[in-house]
């Protein structure tokens, strides 16, 4: 016997009582197009809509944002789009420990201005940043002391040192974006 059962016919109609419109093909729930749109609108109000910001975030430079009924927030640092940092305040200080690779060596150093510092050091690759000051740098020098070259900040590129740098970089393709997020967080906490 061919034909559709009453269960098949019932499932092809929107599940909202009294609607009667056909279910939208491929919908994740048995809803018509109108009720799917209503559910999407509700979800955007409750959870925001991730999309490109109208312009890059002034705090961290990210282009990814979350649109809420009240406006846009940066998806990286949560800076409110359109807000300006106070121009009279000095930029926030964020100390970092940096890991630079040159050939088969790695330099572990620290700076509060890594862009300028890293630009002055001959290197092949910036492996990672770690938030911290001279104390954290000293701990890393002690941790990897067996690989240290004389009394410098350079170390042989030992597997455990490379693994440490990789773990620091996990979750971020670019150490500079991590640094930008830390700066924007410091700026947001200060404002």
N, C-alpha and C. Protein backbone atom coordinates (compact mmCIF):
# COMPACT_ATOMS: atom_id res chain seq x y z
N UNK A 1 0.85 -1.18 0.00
CA UNK A 1 0.00 0.00 0.00
C UNK A 1 0.89 1.23 0.00
N UNK A 2 0.62 2.14 -0.92
CA UNK A 2 1.40 3.36 -1.00
C UNK A 2 0.65 4.49 -0.34
N UNK A 3 1.35 5.63 -0.21
CA UNK A 3 0.73 6.77 0.45
C UNK A 3 1.40 7.04 1.77
N UNK A 4 1.10 8.15 2.37
CA UNK A 4 1.76 8.52 3.62
C UNK A 4 0.82 8.25 4.78
N UNK A 5 1.42 7.89 5.88
CA UNK A 5 0.63 7.64 7.08
C UNK A 5 0.23 8.96 7.72
N UNK A 6 -0.69 8.89 8.67
CA UNK A 6 -1.12 10.12 9.36
C UNK A 6 0.03 10.71 10.15
N UNK A 7 1.01 9.88 10.65
CA UNK A 7 2.17 10.40 11.38
C UNK A 7 3.06 11.20 10.45
N UNK A 8 3.23 10.72 9.19
CA UNK A 8 4.05 11.45 8.22
C UNK A 8 3.41 12.80 7.89
N UNK A 9 2.09 12.79 7.69
CA UNK A 9 1.40 14.04 7.36
C UNK A 9 1.46 15.01 8.52
N UNK A 10 1.33 14.52 9.75
CA UNK A 10 1.36 15.39 10.93
C UNK A 10 2.75 16.00 11.10
N UNK A 11 3.81 15.25 10.76
CA UNK A 11 5.15 15.77 10.95
C UNK A 11 5.53 16.78 9.88
N UNK A 12 4.75 16.90 8.80
CA UNK A 12 5.07 17.87 7.76
C UNK A 12 4.39 19.21 8.01
N UNK A 13 3.72 19.33 9.17
CA UNK A 13 3.04 20.58 9.53
C UNK A 13 3.73 21.14 10.77
N UNK A 14 3.84 22.45 10.82
CA UNK A 14 4.50 23.14 11.94
C UNK A 14 3.93 22.65 13.27
N UNK A 15 4.82 22.41 14.23
CA UNK A 15 4.40 21.84 15.50
C UNK A 15 3.76 22.86 16.46
N UNK A 16 3.75 24.14 16.09
CA UNK A 16 3.13 25.15 16.94
C UNK A 16 1.61 25.01 16.81
N UNK A 17 0.94 24.90 17.97
CA UNK A 17 -0.52 24.69 17.97
C UNK A 17 -1.22 25.75 17.13
N UNK A 18 -2.06 25.29 16.22
CA UNK A 18 -2.90 26.18 15.43
C UNK A 18 -2.21 26.78 14.22
N UNK A 19 -0.92 26.50 13.99
CA UNK A 19 -0.20 27.11 12.87
C UNK A 19 -0.64 26.50 11.55
N UNK A 20 -0.42 25.22 11.36
CA UNK A 20 -0.86 24.55 10.14
C UNK A 20 0.01 24.78 8.92
N UNK A 21 1.02 25.66 8.98
CA UNK A 21 1.90 25.88 7.84
C UNK A 21 2.83 24.68 7.65
N UNK A 22 3.35 24.48 6.43
CA UNK A 22 4.25 23.35 6.20
C UNK A 22 5.60 23.58 6.88
N UNK A 23 6.21 22.46 7.30
CA UNK A 23 7.54 22.51 7.93
C UNK A 23 8.55 22.94 6.89
N UNK A 24 9.47 23.81 7.28
CA UNK A 24 10.54 24.27 6.39
C UNK A 24 11.48 23.09 6.10
N UNK A 25 11.74 22.79 4.83
CA UNK A 25 12.63 21.67 4.50
C UNK A 25 14.02 21.86 5.12
N UNK A 26 14.52 20.81 5.74
CA UNK A 26 15.85 20.85 6.34
C UNK A 26 15.92 21.54 7.69
N UNK A 27 14.78 21.97 8.22
CA UNK A 27 14.78 22.67 9.51
C UNK A 27 15.19 21.72 10.63
N UNK A 28 15.90 22.23 11.65
CA UNK A 28 16.34 21.37 12.75
C UNK A 28 15.20 20.97 13.68
N UNK A 29 14.07 21.64 13.55
CA UNK A 29 12.88 21.33 14.35
C UNK A 29 11.67 21.44 13.43
N UNK A 30 10.58 20.75 13.74
CA UNK A 30 9.41 20.78 12.85
C UNK A 30 8.67 22.12 12.95
N UNK A 31 9.30 23.16 12.38
CA UNK A 31 8.73 24.51 12.40
C UNK A 31 8.61 25.04 10.99
N UNK A 32 7.62 25.90 10.77
CA UNK A 32 7.48 26.58 9.49
C UNK A 32 8.52 27.70 9.41
N UNK A 33 8.67 28.30 8.25
CA UNK A 33 9.66 29.37 8.06
C UNK A 33 9.39 30.53 9.01
N UNK A 34 8.13 30.92 9.20
CA UNK A 34 7.81 32.05 10.08
C UNK A 34 8.24 31.77 11.52
N UNK A 35 7.94 30.60 12.04
CA UNK A 35 8.31 30.27 13.42
C UNK A 35 9.83 30.06 13.58
N UNK A 36 10.49 29.57 12.52
CA UNK A 36 11.96 29.48 12.56
C UNK A 36 12.57 30.88 12.67
N UNK A 37 12.05 31.84 11.91
CA UNK A 37 12.54 33.22 12.00
C UNK A 37 12.29 33.79 13.39
N UNK A 38 11.14 33.52 13.96
CA UNK A 38 10.84 34.01 15.30
C UNK A 38 11.81 33.41 16.33
N UNK A 39 12.12 32.12 16.18
CA UNK A 39 13.07 31.47 17.09
C UNK A 39 14.47 32.06 16.92
N UNK A 40 14.88 32.34 15.67
CA UNK A 40 16.19 32.94 15.43
C UNK A 40 16.28 34.33 16.04
N UNK A 41 15.21 35.13 15.90
CA UNK A 41 15.20 36.47 16.51
C UNK A 41 15.33 36.37 18.03
N UNK A 42 14.62 35.44 18.63
CA UNK A 42 14.71 35.26 20.08
C UNK A 42 16.13 34.87 20.49
N UNK A 43 16.73 33.95 19.73
CA UNK A 43 18.08 33.50 20.04
C UNK A 43 19.09 34.65 19.95
N UNK A 44 18.95 35.50 18.94
CA UNK A 44 19.85 36.65 18.81
C UNK A 44 19.72 37.59 20.00
N UNK A 45 18.50 37.82 20.48
CA UNK A 45 18.31 38.69 21.65
C UNK A 45 18.92 38.08 22.90
N UNK A 46 18.79 36.77 23.05
CA UNK A 46 19.29 36.08 24.24
C UNK A 46 20.79 35.82 24.22
N UNK A 47 21.33 35.47 23.04
CA UNK A 47 22.71 35.00 22.95
C UNK A 47 23.60 35.85 22.06
N UNK A 48 23.04 36.87 21.41
CA UNK A 48 23.81 37.69 20.49
C UNK A 48 24.05 36.96 19.18
N UNK A 49 24.52 37.72 18.20
CA UNK A 49 24.81 37.17 16.88
C UNK A 49 26.26 37.48 16.56
N UNK A 50 27.08 36.46 16.38
CA UNK A 50 28.48 36.66 16.05
C UNK A 50 28.61 36.99 14.57
N UNK A 51 29.32 38.08 14.30
CA UNK A 51 29.48 38.55 12.93
C UNK A 51 30.67 39.50 12.88
N UNK A 52 30.97 40.04 11.70
CA UNK A 52 32.04 41.02 11.59
C UNK A 52 31.60 42.34 12.21
N UNK A 53 32.52 42.97 12.96
CA UNK A 53 32.25 44.30 13.50
C UNK A 53 32.15 45.31 12.35
N UNK A 54 31.43 46.39 12.54
CA UNK A 54 31.38 47.42 11.49
C UNK A 54 32.76 47.99 11.16
N UNK A 55 33.65 48.03 12.15
CA UNK A 55 35.04 48.45 11.95
C UNK A 55 35.88 47.75 13.02
N UNK A 56 37.21 47.67 12.83
CA UNK A 56 38.03 46.94 13.81
C UNK A 56 37.90 47.50 15.22
N UNK A 57 38.03 46.63 16.20
CA UNK A 57 37.98 47.01 17.61
C UNK A 57 39.13 47.97 17.91
N UNK A 58 38.84 49.10 18.56
CA UNK A 58 39.89 50.07 18.87
C UNK A 58 40.81 49.57 19.97
N UNK A 59 40.36 48.62 20.76
CA UNK A 59 41.18 48.12 21.87
C UNK A 59 42.14 47.03 21.42
N UNK A 60 41.67 46.08 20.59
CA UNK A 60 42.54 44.95 20.23
C UNK A 60 42.71 44.74 18.74
N UNK A 61 41.92 45.43 17.91
CA UNK A 61 42.05 45.30 16.47
C UNK A 61 41.27 44.15 15.85
N UNK A 62 40.56 43.37 16.65
CA UNK A 62 39.80 42.24 16.11
C UNK A 62 38.67 42.73 15.21
N UNK A 63 38.31 41.93 14.23
CA UNK A 63 37.18 42.24 13.36
C UNK A 63 35.93 41.46 13.75
N UNK A 64 36.07 40.50 14.67
CA UNK A 64 34.95 39.64 15.04
C UNK A 64 34.20 40.24 16.22
N UNK A 65 32.88 40.31 16.11
CA UNK A 65 32.08 40.90 17.18
C UNK A 65 30.81 40.11 17.45
N UNK A 66 30.12 40.49 18.49
CA UNK A 66 28.82 39.91 18.83
C UNK A 66 27.83 41.07 18.85
N UNK A 67 26.77 40.93 18.04
CA UNK A 67 25.76 41.97 17.96
C UNK A 67 24.62 41.65 18.91
N UNK A 68 24.36 42.58 19.82
CA UNK A 68 23.27 42.49 20.78
C UNK A 68 22.27 43.57 20.45
N UNK A 69 21.04 43.48 20.96
CA UNK A 69 20.10 44.58 20.72
C UNK A 69 20.64 45.93 21.20
N UNK A 70 21.50 45.92 22.21
CA UNK A 70 22.05 47.17 22.74
C UNK A 70 23.28 47.66 21.98
N UNK A 71 23.81 46.87 21.05
CA UNK A 71 24.98 47.28 20.28
C UNK A 71 25.96 46.15 20.09
N UNK A 72 27.17 46.49 19.63
CA UNK A 72 28.21 45.52 19.32
C UNK A 72 29.22 45.43 20.44
N UNK A 73 29.70 44.20 20.70
CA UNK A 73 30.85 43.97 21.58
C UNK A 73 31.90 43.22 20.78
N UNK A 74 33.16 43.52 21.04
CA UNK A 74 34.24 42.76 20.41
C UNK A 74 34.18 41.33 20.93
N UNK A 75 34.28 40.36 20.05
CA UNK A 75 34.23 38.94 20.46
C UNK A 75 35.51 38.51 21.15
N UNK A 76 36.61 39.25 20.97
CA UNK A 76 37.89 38.89 21.57
C UNK A 76 38.05 39.50 22.95
N UNK A 77 37.86 40.82 23.05
CA UNK A 77 38.15 41.51 24.32
C UNK A 77 36.91 42.08 25.00
N UNK A 78 35.76 41.99 24.35
CA UNK A 78 34.49 42.48 24.87
C UNK A 78 34.44 44.00 25.03
N UNK A 79 35.28 44.72 24.28
CA UNK A 79 35.22 46.17 24.26
C UNK A 79 33.97 46.58 23.50
N UNK A 80 33.22 47.53 24.04
CA UNK A 80 31.99 47.98 23.38
C UNK A 80 32.35 48.80 22.15
N UNK A 81 31.86 48.36 20.99
CA UNK A 81 32.15 49.04 19.74
C UNK A 81 31.62 50.47 19.80
N UNK A 82 32.45 51.41 19.45
CA UNK A 82 32.07 52.82 19.48
C UNK A 82 32.64 53.55 20.68
N UNK A 83 32.97 52.83 21.76
CA UNK A 83 33.60 53.48 22.91
C UNK A 83 35.05 53.79 22.58
N UNK A 84 35.52 54.91 23.05
CA UNK A 84 36.91 55.31 22.82
C UNK A 84 37.70 55.22 24.10
N UNK A 85 38.90 54.66 24.03
CA UNK A 85 39.76 54.69 25.22
C UNK A 85 40.08 56.14 25.57
N UNK A 86 40.26 56.41 26.83
CA UNK A 86 40.59 57.75 27.29
C UNK A 86 41.97 58.12 26.76
N UNK A 87 42.03 59.10 25.87
CA UNK A 87 43.28 59.49 25.24
C UNK A 87 44.27 60.13 26.20
N UNK A 88 43.81 60.59 27.35
CA UNK A 88 44.72 61.23 28.31
C UNK A 88 45.47 60.20 29.15
N UNK A 89 44.99 58.99 29.18
CA UNK A 89 45.66 57.95 29.97
C UNK A 89 46.78 57.32 29.17
N UNK A 90 47.86 57.01 29.83
CA UNK A 90 48.95 56.29 29.17
C UNK A 90 48.46 54.89 28.82
N UNK A 91 49.02 54.28 27.77
CA UNK A 91 48.62 52.91 27.45
C UNK A 91 48.89 51.99 28.64
N UNK A 92 48.09 50.96 28.80
CA UNK A 92 48.31 50.05 29.93
C UNK A 92 49.62 49.30 29.77
N UNK A 93 50.26 49.02 30.89
CA UNK A 93 51.51 48.26 30.88
C UNK A 93 51.16 46.78 31.02
N UNK A 94 51.62 46.00 30.07
CA UNK A 94 51.43 44.55 30.10
C UNK A 94 52.81 43.92 29.88
N UNK A 95 53.37 43.37 30.94
CA UNK A 95 54.66 42.70 30.85
C UNK A 95 54.47 41.30 30.30
N UNK A 96 55.36 40.93 29.37
CA UNK A 96 55.30 39.60 28.79
C UNK A 96 56.69 38.98 28.77
N UNK A 97 56.70 37.66 28.84
CA UNK A 97 57.90 36.89 28.57
C UNK A 97 57.74 36.41 27.14
N UNK A 98 58.76 36.66 26.32
CA UNK A 98 58.69 36.26 24.91
C UNK A 98 59.65 35.11 24.64
N UNK A 99 59.28 34.32 23.64
CA UNK A 99 60.07 33.16 23.22
C UNK A 99 60.36 33.33 21.72
N UNK A 100 61.61 33.64 21.39
CA UNK A 100 62.02 33.84 20.00
C UNK A 100 62.93 32.70 19.56
N UNK A 101 62.72 32.21 18.35
CA UNK A 101 63.59 31.16 17.81
C UNK A 101 64.47 31.77 16.73
N UNK A 102 65.76 31.44 16.80
CA UNK A 102 66.71 31.77 15.75
C UNK A 102 67.56 30.52 15.52
N UNK A 103 67.47 29.96 14.32
CA UNK A 103 68.13 28.69 14.00
C UNK A 103 67.72 27.63 15.02
N UNK A 104 68.69 27.09 15.75
CA UNK A 104 68.39 26.03 16.73
C UNK A 104 68.46 26.55 18.16
N UNK A 105 68.24 27.86 18.31
CA UNK A 105 68.27 28.48 19.65
C UNK A 105 66.95 29.20 19.92
N UNK A 106 66.67 29.35 21.21
CA UNK A 106 65.48 30.08 21.64
C UNK A 106 65.89 31.09 22.69
N UNK A 107 65.41 32.31 22.51
CA UNK A 107 65.66 33.38 23.49
C UNK A 107 64.43 33.53 24.36
N UNK A 108 64.65 33.53 25.66
CA UNK A 108 63.57 33.79 26.62
C UNK A 108 63.89 35.13 27.27
N UNK A 109 63.08 36.12 26.97
CA UNK A 109 63.29 37.45 27.51
C UNK A 109 61.98 38.05 27.98
N UNK A 110 62.05 39.26 28.50
CA UNK A 110 60.84 39.93 28.97
C UNK A 110 60.83 41.38 28.52
N UNK A 111 59.63 41.92 28.37
CA UNK A 111 59.49 43.31 27.95
C UNK A 111 58.09 43.80 28.27
N UNK A 112 57.97 45.11 28.49
CA UNK A 112 56.65 45.73 28.60
C UNK A 112 56.28 46.38 27.27
N UNK A 113 57.21 46.36 26.31
CA UNK A 113 56.98 46.88 24.96
C UNK A 113 57.53 45.87 23.96
N UNK A 114 56.86 44.72 23.83
CA UNK A 114 57.42 43.65 23.01
C UNK A 114 57.57 43.99 21.53
N UNK A 115 56.73 44.85 20.98
CA UNK A 115 56.87 45.18 19.56
C UNK A 115 58.24 45.80 19.29
N UNK A 116 58.61 46.74 20.11
CA UNK A 116 59.90 47.39 19.93
C UNK A 116 61.05 46.43 20.27
N UNK A 117 60.90 45.67 21.34
CA UNK A 117 61.97 44.77 21.77
C UNK A 117 62.21 43.66 20.75
N UNK A 118 61.15 43.00 20.31
CA UNK A 118 61.28 41.89 19.35
C UNK A 118 61.83 42.40 18.02
N UNK A 119 61.47 43.62 17.63
CA UNK A 119 61.96 44.18 16.37
C UNK A 119 63.47 44.37 16.39
N UNK A 120 64.06 44.52 17.55
CA UNK A 120 65.50 44.77 17.67
C UNK A 120 66.33 43.48 17.72
N UNK A 121 65.68 42.34 17.88
CA UNK A 121 66.40 41.07 18.05
C UNK A 121 66.30 40.26 16.77
N UNK A 122 67.44 39.82 16.25
CA UNK A 122 67.45 38.98 15.06
C UNK A 122 66.82 37.64 15.41
N UNK A 123 65.77 37.26 14.69
CA UNK A 123 65.08 35.99 14.97
C UNK A 123 64.37 35.49 13.73
N UNK A 124 64.06 34.20 13.73
CA UNK A 124 63.32 33.59 12.63
C UNK A 124 61.83 33.53 12.92
N UNK A 125 61.48 33.34 14.21
CA UNK A 125 60.08 33.10 14.53
C UNK A 125 59.79 33.53 15.97
N UNK A 126 58.65 34.18 16.15
CA UNK A 126 58.14 34.46 17.49
C UNK A 126 57.29 33.25 17.87
N UNK A 127 57.76 32.47 18.84
CA UNK A 127 57.06 31.24 19.20
C UNK A 127 55.84 31.51 20.08
N UNK A 128 56.00 32.38 21.09
CA UNK A 128 54.89 32.59 22.03
C UNK A 128 55.18 33.77 22.94
N UNK A 129 54.11 34.22 23.58
CA UNK A 129 54.19 35.17 24.70
C UNK A 129 53.63 34.47 25.93
N UNK A 130 54.15 34.85 27.07
CA UNK A 130 53.61 34.41 28.35
C UNK A 130 53.46 35.66 29.19
N UNK A 131 52.31 35.83 29.79
CA UNK A 131 52.10 37.01 30.61
C UNK A 131 52.98 36.90 31.85
N UNK A 132 53.78 37.94 32.11
CA UNK A 132 54.64 37.91 33.27
C UNK A 132 55.79 38.88 33.15
N UNK A 133 56.47 39.07 34.26
CA UNK A 133 57.56 40.02 34.35
C UNK A 133 58.89 39.29 34.53
N UNK A 134 59.89 39.98 35.09
CA UNK A 134 61.22 39.38 35.27
C UNK A 134 61.20 38.15 36.18
N UNK A 135 60.27 38.10 37.12
CA UNK A 135 60.17 36.93 38.00
C UNK A 135 59.79 35.69 37.18
N UNK A 136 58.81 35.81 36.30
CA UNK A 136 58.41 34.68 35.45
C UNK A 136 59.56 34.32 34.50
N UNK A 137 60.20 35.34 33.93
CA UNK A 137 61.35 35.08 33.06
C UNK A 137 62.43 34.29 33.82
N UNK A 138 62.74 34.71 35.04
CA UNK A 138 63.74 34.02 35.85
C UNK A 138 63.32 32.56 36.10
N UNK A 139 62.05 32.34 36.40
CA UNK A 139 61.57 30.97 36.61
C UNK A 139 61.79 30.11 35.37
N UNK A 140 61.54 30.67 34.20
CA UNK A 140 61.75 29.91 32.96
C UNK A 140 63.24 29.66 32.73
N UNK A 141 64.08 30.62 33.08
CA UNK A 141 65.53 30.40 32.94
C UNK A 141 65.97 29.26 33.85
N UNK A 142 65.43 29.20 35.04
CA UNK A 142 65.75 28.11 35.97
C UNK A 142 65.17 26.80 35.46
N UNK A 143 63.93 26.84 35.00
CA UNK A 143 63.25 25.63 34.51
C UNK A 143 64.02 24.97 33.36
N UNK A 144 64.58 25.79 32.48
CA UNK A 144 65.27 25.25 31.30
C UNK A 144 66.79 25.44 31.39
N UNK A 145 67.32 25.55 32.60
CA UNK A 145 68.74 25.85 32.82
C UNK A 145 69.67 24.86 32.14
N UNK A 146 69.31 23.60 32.05
CA UNK A 146 70.20 22.61 31.44
C UNK A 146 70.41 22.86 29.95
N UNK A 147 69.55 23.69 29.34
CA UNK A 147 69.66 23.98 27.91
C UNK A 147 70.21 25.39 27.65
N UNK A 148 70.57 26.09 28.72
CA UNK A 148 71.02 27.48 28.61
C UNK A 148 72.41 27.54 27.99
N UNK A 149 72.58 28.54 27.12
CA UNK A 149 73.87 28.76 26.47
C UNK A 149 74.65 29.79 27.29
N UNK A 150 75.68 29.31 27.97
CA UNK A 150 76.51 30.14 28.87
C UNK A 150 75.59 30.87 29.86
N UNK A 151 75.81 32.16 30.04
CA UNK A 151 74.97 32.92 30.97
C UNK A 151 74.13 33.94 30.20
N UNK A 152 73.60 33.49 29.06
CA UNK A 152 72.78 34.36 28.21
C UNK A 152 71.31 34.04 28.41
N UNK A 153 70.47 34.72 27.66
CA UNK A 153 69.03 34.42 27.65
C UNK A 153 68.69 33.45 26.51
N UNK A 154 69.71 32.87 25.89
CA UNK A 154 69.52 31.93 24.79
C UNK A 154 69.65 30.50 25.28
N UNK A 155 68.83 29.64 24.70
CA UNK A 155 68.75 28.23 25.09
C UNK A 155 68.74 27.39 23.82
N UNK A 156 69.22 26.15 23.92
CA UNK A 156 69.07 25.25 22.78
C UNK A 156 67.59 24.93 22.62
N UNK A 157 67.19 24.68 21.39
CA UNK A 157 65.78 24.41 21.10
C UNK A 157 65.45 22.97 21.49
N UNK A 158 65.47 22.69 22.77
CA UNK A 158 65.18 21.35 23.29
C UNK A 158 63.69 21.04 23.14
N UNK A 159 63.34 19.78 22.99
CA UNK A 159 61.93 19.40 22.83
C UNK A 159 61.03 19.92 23.95
N UNK A 160 61.50 19.89 25.21
CA UNK A 160 60.65 20.36 26.31
C UNK A 160 60.43 21.87 26.26
N UNK A 161 61.42 22.62 25.79
CA UNK A 161 61.26 24.07 25.65
C UNK A 161 60.31 24.39 24.50
N UNK A 162 60.46 23.67 23.39
CA UNK A 162 59.53 23.86 22.27
C UNK A 162 58.11 23.47 22.66
N UNK A 163 57.97 22.41 23.45
CA UNK A 163 56.63 21.98 23.91
C UNK A 163 56.03 23.03 24.83
N UNK A 164 56.84 23.64 25.69
CA UNK A 164 56.36 24.70 26.58
C UNK A 164 55.84 25.89 25.76
N UNK A 165 56.61 26.30 24.76
CA UNK A 165 56.19 27.42 23.90
C UNK A 165 54.91 27.06 23.14
N UNK A 166 54.82 25.83 22.67
CA UNK A 166 53.62 25.40 21.94
C UNK A 166 52.40 25.40 22.86
N UNK A 167 52.58 24.99 24.10
CA UNK A 167 51.47 25.00 25.06
C UNK A 167 51.01 26.42 25.35
N UNK A 168 51.96 27.36 25.43
CA UNK A 168 51.59 28.76 25.65
C UNK A 168 50.80 29.31 24.47
N UNK A 169 51.14 28.84 23.29
CA UNK A 169 50.51 29.35 22.07
C UNK A 169 49.20 28.63 21.75
N UNK A 170 48.91 27.55 22.43
CA UNK A 170 47.71 26.76 22.14
C UNK A 170 46.46 27.64 22.18
N UNK A 171 45.62 27.48 21.19
CA UNK A 171 44.38 28.24 21.15
C UNK A 171 44.51 29.58 20.43
N UNK A 172 45.72 29.93 20.00
CA UNK A 172 45.92 31.19 19.29
C UNK A 172 46.92 30.97 18.17
N UNK A 173 46.54 31.33 16.97
CA UNK A 173 47.46 31.18 15.84
C UNK A 173 48.55 32.23 15.84
N UNK A 174 48.31 33.35 16.51
CA UNK A 174 49.22 34.47 16.45
C UNK A 174 49.48 35.02 17.86
N UNK A 175 50.73 34.97 18.33
CA UNK A 175 51.03 35.53 19.66
C UNK A 175 50.67 37.01 19.78
N UNK A 176 50.73 37.74 18.65
CA UNK A 176 50.41 39.17 18.71
C UNK A 176 48.92 39.39 19.03
N UNK A 177 48.05 38.52 18.56
CA UNK A 177 46.63 38.67 18.90
C UNK A 177 46.40 38.39 20.37
N UNK A 178 47.16 37.46 20.93
CA UNK A 178 47.07 37.19 22.37
C UNK A 178 47.52 38.42 23.15
N UNK A 179 48.63 39.01 22.73
CA UNK A 179 49.14 40.22 23.38
C UNK A 179 48.12 41.37 23.27
N UNK A 180 47.51 41.52 22.09
CA UNK A 180 46.50 42.57 21.90
C UNK A 180 45.32 42.35 22.84
N UNK A 181 44.91 41.09 23.03
CA UNK A 181 43.81 40.80 23.95
C UNK A 181 44.19 41.17 25.37
N UNK A 182 45.42 40.85 25.80
CA UNK A 182 45.86 41.20 27.16
C UNK A 182 45.87 42.71 27.35
N UNK A 183 46.33 43.45 26.33
CA UNK A 183 46.34 44.92 26.43
C UNK A 183 44.91 45.46 26.52
N UNK A 184 44.02 44.92 25.70
CA UNK A 184 42.65 45.42 25.72
C UNK A 184 41.96 45.08 27.04
N UNK A 185 42.27 43.90 27.60
CA UNK A 185 41.71 43.55 28.91
C UNK A 185 42.21 44.53 29.98
N UNK A 186 43.50 44.85 29.93
CA UNK A 186 44.07 45.80 30.90
C UNK A 186 43.45 47.18 30.72
N UNK A 187 43.22 47.57 29.49
CA UNK A 187 42.57 48.85 29.20
C UNK A 187 41.14 48.86 29.69
N UNK A 188 40.42 47.79 29.45
CA UNK A 188 39.02 47.70 29.89
C UNK A 188 38.92 47.72 31.42
N UNK A 189 39.84 47.03 32.11
CA UNK A 189 39.81 47.02 33.57
C UNK A 189 40.11 48.39 34.14
N UNK A 190 40.91 49.17 33.44
CA UNK A 190 41.29 50.49 33.93
C UNK A 190 40.20 51.53 33.66
N UNK A 191 39.41 51.34 32.62
CA UNK A 191 38.41 52.35 32.24
C UNK A 191 37.22 52.35 33.14
